[in-house]
Amino acid sequence: MLQLSNALVGKTVLSLRTGTPIAKVLGTVINPDNLKIEGFYVEEKFSKKHLVLVSQDIREVLHNGFVVNDQEVLVEPGELVRLKKVIDLEFSLIGKQVVTVSKEKVGKVSDYATETTTFFIQKIYVSQSILKSFTGGNLSIDRSQIQEITNTKVIINDLYGKDSVPSVATAPSAF
């Protein structure tokens, strides 16, 4: 199931062992190389410590939260050796400039949709300038149209090339 980014942030993390909420999601840990959400920054309920919940430790995604086995899956960011480089990047997709391969400015990333079984970002939603939004609305860009992601921008295929057709859509409503 696809969920928008704002539907993921703010969710509660629930423990199967205790049957109670143990944390609240504050943000995402996104790997810009493959557009995968590797984990979530969370605030632990009792100690108020900022920890990381690795995506692979999530057993189920419910409407109101993530289900995990136990509180012990929440770890300090420094303990995640494999994710150290990704965490240190502090990468955020929202607000990135979107341009085509031929350097045409398209707009800025306003949201993204994530598949909740794999945690791969499947679509990005681009808000255009006021002038372009009157004629075309928001753009929905599939991950297959993305050529490169840098620190400052997302480079996509040309919108009006021989083989590409832009998909104009409004962002779907959050669940």
Protein backbone atom coordinates (compact mmCIF):
# COMPACT_ATOMS: atom_id res chain seq x y z
CA MET A 1 0.00 0.00 0.00
CA LEU A 2 1.29 3.48 -0.84
CA GLN A 3 1.33 6.11 1.88
CA LEU A 4 2.32 9.76 1.68
CA SER A 5 5.25 11.04 3.72
CA ASN A 6 3.08 13.03 6.12
CA ALA A 7 1.09 9.85 6.87
CA LEU A 8 4.29 8.15 8.05
CA VAL A 9 5.59 10.92 10.28
CA GLY A 10 3.70 11.26 13.54
CA LYS A 11 2.71 7.59 13.71
CA THR A 12 2.95 5.72 16.97
CA VAL A 13 5.31 2.77 17.41
CA LEU A 14 3.51 -0.06 19.18
CA SER A 15 5.15 -2.95 21.03
CA LEU A 16 3.74 -6.45 20.53
CA ARG A 17 5.20 -7.60 23.83
CA THR A 18 3.60 -4.94 26.01
CA GLY A 19 0.71 -3.98 23.73
CA THR A 20 1.36 -0.29 24.35
CA PRO A 21 2.85 2.66 22.46
CA ILE A 22 6.61 2.95 22.98
CA ALA A 23 7.61 5.81 20.66
CA LYS A 24 6.46 8.40 18.16
CA VAL A 25 7.90 8.82 14.63
CA LEU A 26 9.62 12.20 14.09
CA GLY A 27 11.17 11.77 10.65
CA THR A 28 12.63 9.44 8.05
CA VAL A 29 16.10 8.14 7.25
CA ILE A 30 16.17 8.13 3.44
CA ASN A 31 18.95 6.55 1.39
CA PRO A 32 19.32 8.86 -1.66
CA ASP A 33 21.13 6.17 -3.66
CA ASN A 34 18.09 3.90 -3.96
CA LEU A 35 15.24 6.04 -2.55
CA LYS A 36 14.57 3.63 0.29
CA ILE A 37 13.43 4.62 3.75
CA GLU A 38 16.04 2.77 5.79
CA GLY A 39 14.55 3.77 9.11
CA PHE A 40 12.67 6.32 11.15
CA TYR A 41 13.80 8.83 13.73
CA VAL A 42 11.63 8.29 16.80
CA GLU A 43 11.20 9.79 20.25
CA GLU A 44 11.05 7.12 22.92
CA LYS A 45 7.93 7.58 25.06
CA PHE A 46 9.38 7.45 28.56
CA SER A 47 12.96 8.73 28.33
CA LYS A 48 12.22 11.19 25.46
CA LYS A 49 15.48 10.03 23.82
CA HIS A 50 15.80 10.39 20.06
CA LEU A 51 16.44 6.93 18.63
CA VAL A 52 16.20 5.14 15.28
CA LEU A 53 13.78 2.41 14.26
CA VAL A 54 15.22 0.42 11.34
CA SER A 55 12.59 -0.38 8.69
CA GLN A 56 13.36 -4.10 8.70
CA ASP A 57 12.31 -4.27 12.37
CA ILE A 58 8.75 -3.18 11.56
CA ARG A 59 6.45 -6.20 11.63
CA GLU A 60 3.30 -4.49 10.40
CA VAL A 61 2.09 -1.07 9.31
CA LEU A 62 -1.31 -0.17 10.74
CA HIS A 63 -3.47 2.86 10.13
CA ASN A 64 -2.34 4.50 13.38
CA GLY A 65 1.17 3.13 13.80
CA PHE A 66 4.01 0.69 13.28
CA VAL A 67 4.09 -2.63 15.12
CA VAL A 68 7.44 -3.91 16.40
CA ASN A 69 8.41 -6.85 18.60
CA ASP A 70 9.77 -4.90 21.53
CA GLN A 71 11.27 -1.62 22.67
CA GLU A 72 14.75 -3.08 22.16
CA VAL A 73 14.51 -2.52 18.37
CA LEU A 74 14.87 1.23 19.01
CA VAL A 75 18.60 2.03 18.90
CA GLU A 76 20.94 4.98 19.20
CA PRO A 77 21.95 6.36 15.77
CA GLY A 78 25.64 5.77 16.58
CA GLU A 79 25.06 2.03 16.99
CA LEU A 80 23.90 1.60 13.39
CA VAL A 81 27.25 1.04 11.67
CA ARG A 82 25.76 0.03 8.29
CA LEU A 83 23.55 3.13 8.19
CA LYS A 84 26.15 5.59 9.50
CA LYS A 85 26.79 7.20 6.09
CA VAL A 86 23.07 7.53 5.32
CA ILE A 87 22.29 8.98 8.76
CA ASP A 88 25.21 11.42 8.50
CA LEU A 89 23.83 12.71 5.17
CA GLU A 90 20.63 13.92 6.87
CA PHE A 91 18.98 13.65 3.45
CA SER A 92 15.53 15.15 2.98
CA LEU A 93 13.56 14.79 -0.24
CA ILE A 94 10.90 17.42 0.50
CA GLY A 95 11.82 20.81 -0.94
CA LYS A 96 14.44 19.53 -3.40
CA GLN A 97 14.50 21.31 -6.78
CA VAL A 98 13.35 19.06 -9.67
CA VAL A 99 14.96 19.59 -13.08
CA THR A 100 15.02 17.59 -16.29
CA VAL A 101 18.10 16.11 -17.93
CA SER A 102 18.05 19.06 -20.34
CA LYS A 103 18.13 21.42 -17.31
CA GLU A 104 14.50 22.62 -17.53
CA LYS A 105 13.20 23.62 -14.08
CA VAL A 106 10.09 21.65 -13.18
CA GLY A 107 9.40 22.63 -9.56
CA LYS A 108 10.07 21.38 -6.04
CA VAL A 109 9.28 18.08 -4.33
CA SER A 110 6.19 18.65 -2.21
CA ASP A 111 5.53 15.07 -1.12
CA TYR A 112 6.34 11.45 -1.87
CA ALA A 113 4.53 8.11 -1.73
CA THR A 114 6.15 5.08 -0.14
CA GLU A 115 5.28 1.39 -0.54
CA THR A 116 4.82 0.24 3.07
CA THR A 117 5.92 -3.36 2.52
CA THR A 118 9.32 -2.52 1.03
CA PHE A 119 9.69 1.13 2.16
CA PHE A 120 10.86 2.18 -1.30
CA ILE A 121 9.70 5.60 -2.44
CA GLN A 122 7.60 4.92 -5.55
CA LYS A 123 6.46 8.41 -6.57
CA ILE A 124 7.44 11.98 -5.91
CA TYR A 125 4.95 14.82 -6.20
CA VAL A 126 6.26 18.07 -7.63
CA SER A 127 4.65 21.44 -7.05
CA GLN A 128 5.21 23.79 -9.95
CA SER A 129 5.46 27.55 -10.11
CA ILE A 130 2.20 29.49 -9.94
CA LEU A 131 2.18 30.09 -13.69
CA LYS A 132 2.77 26.43 -14.57
CA SER A 133 0.29 25.19 -11.97
CA PHE A 134 -2.54 27.09 -13.70
CA THR A 135 -1.93 25.14 -16.89
CA GLY A 136 -0.70 21.79 -15.67
CA GLY A 137 -1.35 21.16 -11.98
CA ASN A 138 1.01 19.13 -9.81
CA LEU A 139 3.24 16.51 -11.39
CA SER A 140 3.49 12.92 -10.27
CA ILE A 141 6.92 11.49 -11.09
CA ASP A 142 7.45 7.74 -10.94
CA ARG A 143 10.76 6.48 -9.54
CA SER A 144 11.62 5.03 -12.97
CA GLN A 145 11.74 8.60 -14.40
CA ILE A 146 14.41 9.71 -11.92
CA GLN A 147 17.92 9.83 -13.37
CA GLU A 148 19.95 11.22 -10.47
CA ILE A 149 19.60 12.70 -7.01
CA THR A 150 22.12 15.21 -5.68
CA ASN A 151 22.32 17.21 -2.47
CA THR A 152 20.34 20.04 -4.02
CA LYS A 153 18.17 18.60 -6.80
CA VAL A 154 16.38 15.65 -8.37
CA ILE A 155 17.15 15.13 -12.06
CA ILE A 156 14.39 13.45 -14.08
CA ASN A 157 13.86 12.44 -17.71
CA ASP A 158 12.69 15.17 -20.07
CA LEU A 159 8.94 15.63 -19.74
CA TYR A 160 8.15 16.03 -23.41
CA GLY A 161 10.68 13.73 -25.04
CA LYS A 162 9.94 11.08 -27.64
CA ASP A 163 9.19 8.33 -25.15
CA SER A 164 8.06 10.21 -22.08
CA VAL A 165 4.66 11.58 -21.26
CA PRO A 166 4.24 13.60 -18.08
CA SER A 167 1.70 12.32 -15.63
CA VAL A 168 -0.20 15.32 -14.32
CA ALA A 169 -1.96 14.58 -11.07
CA THR A 170 -2.79 16.00 -7.75
CA ALA A 171 -1.26 14.40 -4.70
CA PRO A 172 -3.54 11.70 -3.27
CA SER A 173 -5.13 12.36 0.07
CA ALA A 174 -3.49 10.92 3.16
CA PHE A 175 -5.10 7.94 4.85
